Amino acid sequence: MATLSLRMVLREARRIHYHAPKDKSLSWYEGVAVSGLRDDSRISGKVEQKVIVESYSLTSVSEIAKESLESHVAHTS
C-alpha cells in the first residue's frame, strides 16, 4: 500500500461481497481482519491495483487473515 497525496493505491486488491469471520465469536468486519474468512464468504478475484480518491478507513489484518484473504476462491456469480 502506498499513499500518494490525497489518494491511496492498493495492490492486488479484492472486494469482499459477503463476509463472515472464521472465528464466530468475533464481530464480522474486525473478525475477518483477525481470523480470516469463513468458507461461505464471497470475495472477488484480485485486481492489479485499486486507486481510492475519497476518505476511507483501513483495517490492519493478522497474518492468518492475510493468508485467508489471499487464498480464498473468487466468487464468480
Protein backbone atom coordinates (compact mmCIF):
# COMPACT_ATOMS: atom_id res chain seq x y z
CA MET A 1 0.00 0.00 0.00
CA ALA A 2 1.32 3.42 -0.91
CA THR A 3 -0.18 6.80 -0.07
CA LEU A 4 0.07 9.44 -2.77
CA SER A 5 -1.13 12.95 -1.97
CA LEU A 6 -4.89 12.61 -1.35
CA ARG A 7 -5.25 9.20 -2.89
CA MET A 8 -4.33 5.68 -1.90
CA VAL A 9 -3.21 2.84 -4.18
CA LEU A 10 -3.96 -0.73 -3.09
CA ARG A 11 -2.05 -3.51 -4.86
CA GLU A 12 -3.64 -6.92 -5.55
CA ALA A 13 -6.91 -5.67 -4.08
CA ARG A 14 -10.00 -7.86 -3.67
CA ARG A 15 -13.58 -6.78 -2.95
CA ILE A 16 -15.42 -8.69 -0.26
CA HIS A 17 -19.07 -9.11 -1.31
CA TYR A 18 -20.26 -11.14 1.68
CA HIS A 19 -18.06 -11.92 4.63
CA ALA A 20 -18.05 -13.71 7.94
CA PRO A 21 -15.07 -14.44 10.19
CA LYS A 22 -13.75 -17.96 10.70
CA ASP A 23 -13.90 -17.34 14.45
CA LYS A 24 -17.64 -16.96 15.13
CA SER A 25 -17.01 -15.27 18.49
CA LEU A 26 -15.59 -12.19 16.74
CA SER A 27 -17.51 -9.32 15.13
CA TRP A 28 -17.91 -9.56 11.38
CA TYR A 29 -15.56 -6.99 9.81
CA GLU A 30 -12.93 -6.90 12.53
CA GLY A 31 -13.27 -10.66 12.97
CA VAL A 32 -12.24 -11.23 9.36
CA ALA A 33 -9.19 -9.00 9.97
CA VAL A 34 -8.16 -11.25 12.88
CA SER A 35 -9.22 -14.78 11.92
CA GLY A 36 -9.75 -14.72 8.15
CA LEU A 37 -12.78 -15.59 6.03
CA ARG A 38 -15.35 -18.28 6.75
CA ASP A 39 -15.71 -20.75 3.85
CA ASP A 40 -19.10 -19.38 2.69
CA SER A 41 -17.75 -15.81 2.26
CA ARG A 42 -17.82 -14.28 -1.23
CA ILE A 43 -14.79 -12.38 -2.50
CA SER A 44 -13.71 -11.08 -5.91
CA GLY A 45 -10.61 -12.05 -7.80
CA LYS A 46 -7.50 -9.86 -7.43
CA VAL A 47 -7.05 -6.67 -9.43
CA GLU A 48 -3.55 -5.33 -10.06
CA GLN A 49 -4.34 -2.06 -8.30
CA LYS A 50 -7.24 -0.03 -6.98
CA VAL A 51 -6.94 3.73 -6.59
CA ILE A 52 -9.02 5.29 -3.83
CA VAL A 53 -9.55 9.05 -4.11
CA GLU A 54 -12.00 9.59 -1.26
CA SER A 55 -11.93 9.47 2.50
CA TYR A 56 -11.55 5.87 3.57
CA SER A 57 -10.60 3.83 6.60
CA LEU A 58 -8.40 0.74 6.56
CA THR A 59 -8.23 -2.15 8.99
CA SER A 60 -4.91 -3.90 9.54
CA VAL A 61 -5.11 -7.68 9.31
CA SER A 62 -3.29 -10.51 11.05
CA GLU A 63 -1.00 -12.85 9.13
CA ILE A 64 -3.66 -15.60 9.42
CA ALA A 65 -6.31 -13.28 7.95
CA LYS A 66 -3.94 -12.17 5.17
CA GLU A 67 -3.36 -15.78 4.11
CA SER A 68 -7.11 -16.45 4.21
CA LEU A 69 -7.94 -13.37 2.12
CA GLU A 70 -5.24 -14.12 -0.44
CA SER A 71 -6.14 -17.78 -0.88
CA HIS A 72 -9.96 -17.58 -0.78
CA VAL A 73 -11.52 -18.74 -4.07
CA ALA A 74 -13.12 -15.91 -6.04
CA HIS A 75 -16.93 -15.89 -6.21
CA THR A 76 -17.99 -15.96 -9.86
CA SER A 77 -21.77 -15.47 -9.91
